[in-house]
Amino acid sequence: MESNDRTIPSSVELVNAKKTTARLALNDRTIELQRPHNLP
């Protein structure tokens, strides 16, 4: 049971990391859209 308990938190951490990365990516895209000099 201990091995399962250890596996669950690690998977949750991976999901949280993916969510954080997605948020950062969205923030970067929003900032780029707000910057006129990044427009073609």
C-alpha atoms as a PDB file:
ATOM      1  CA  MET A   1       0.000   0.000   0.000  1.00  0.00           C
ATOM      2  CA  GLU A   2       2.899   2.337   0.680  1.00  0.00           C
ATOM      3  CA  SER A   3       4.095   2.032  -2.916  1.00  0.00           C
ATOM      4  CA  ASN A   4       0.614   2.992  -4.145  1.00  0.00           C
ATOM      5  CA  ASP A   5       0.464   5.934  -1.766  1.00  0.00           C
ATOM      6  CA  ARG A   6       3.788   7.120  -3.111  1.00  0.00           C
ATOM      7  CA  THR A   7       2.701   6.722  -6.725  1.00  0.00           C
ATOM      8  CA  ILE A   8      -0.486   8.759  -6.367  1.00  0.00           C
ATOM      9  CA  PRO A   9       1.144  11.976  -5.067  1.00  0.00           C
ATOM     10  CA  SER A  10       3.835  11.789  -7.740  1.00  0.00           C
ATOM     11  CA  SER A  11       1.182  11.548 -10.480  1.00  0.00           C
ATOM     12  CA  VAL A  12      -0.688  14.467  -8.928  1.00  0.00           C
ATOM     13  CA  GLU A  13       2.517  16.482  -8.909  1.00  0.00           C
ATOM     14  CA  LEU A  14       3.006  15.712 -12.594  1.00  0.00           C
ATOM     15  CA  VAL A  15      -0.520  16.901 -13.376  1.00  0.00           C
ATOM     16  CA  ASN A  16       0.020  20.079 -11.355  1.00  0.00           C
ATOM     17  CA  ALA A  17       3.312  20.659 -13.161  1.00  0.00           C
ATOM     18  CA  LYS A  18       1.564  20.285 -16.528  1.00  0.00           C
ATOM     19  CA  LYS A  19      -1.147  22.721 -15.445  1.00  0.00           C
ATOM     20  CA  THR A  20       1.460  25.224 -14.288  1.00  0.00           C
ATOM     21  CA  THR A  21       3.350  24.866 -17.568  1.00  0.00           C
ATOM     22  CA  ALA A  22       0.134  25.378 -19.526  1.00  0.00           C
ATOM     23  CA  ARG A  23      -0.663  28.496 -17.503  1.00  0.00           C
ATOM     24  CA  LEU A  24       2.806  29.896 -18.092  1.00  0.00           C
ATOM     25  CA  ALA A  25       2.486  29.156 -21.802  1.00  0.00           C
ATOM     26  CA  LEU A  26      -0.870  30.945 -21.950  1.00  0.00           C
ATOM     27  CA  ASN A  27       0.591  33.901 -20.046  1.00  0.00           C
ATOM     28  CA  ASP A  28       3.513  34.092 -22.491  1.00  0.00           C
ATOM     29  CA  ARG A  29       1.123  34.027 -25.444  1.00  0.00           C
ATOM     30  CA  THR A  30      -1.057  36.731 -23.897  1.00  0.00           C
ATOM     31  CA  ILE A  31       1.977  38.928 -23.270  1.00  0.00           C
ATOM     32  CA  GLU A  32       3.172  38.406 -26.845  1.00  0.00           C
ATOM     33  CA  LEU A  33      -0.248  39.413 -28.170  1.00  0.00           C
ATOM     34  CA  GLN A  34      -0.125  42.547 -26.019  1.00  0.00           C
ATOM     35  CA  ARG A  35       3.312  43.510 -27.404  1.00  0.00           C
ATOM     36  CA  PRO A  36       2.970  45.481 -30.673  1.00  0.00           C
ATOM     37  CA  HIS A  37       6.612  44.848 -31.681  1.00  0.00           C
ATOM     38  CA  ASN A  38       5.880  41.098 -31.802  1.00  0.00           C
ATOM     39  CA  LEU A  39       3.311  41.576 -34.552  1.00  0.00           C
ATOM     40  CA  PRO A  40       4.465  40.732 -38.094  1.00  0.00           C
END
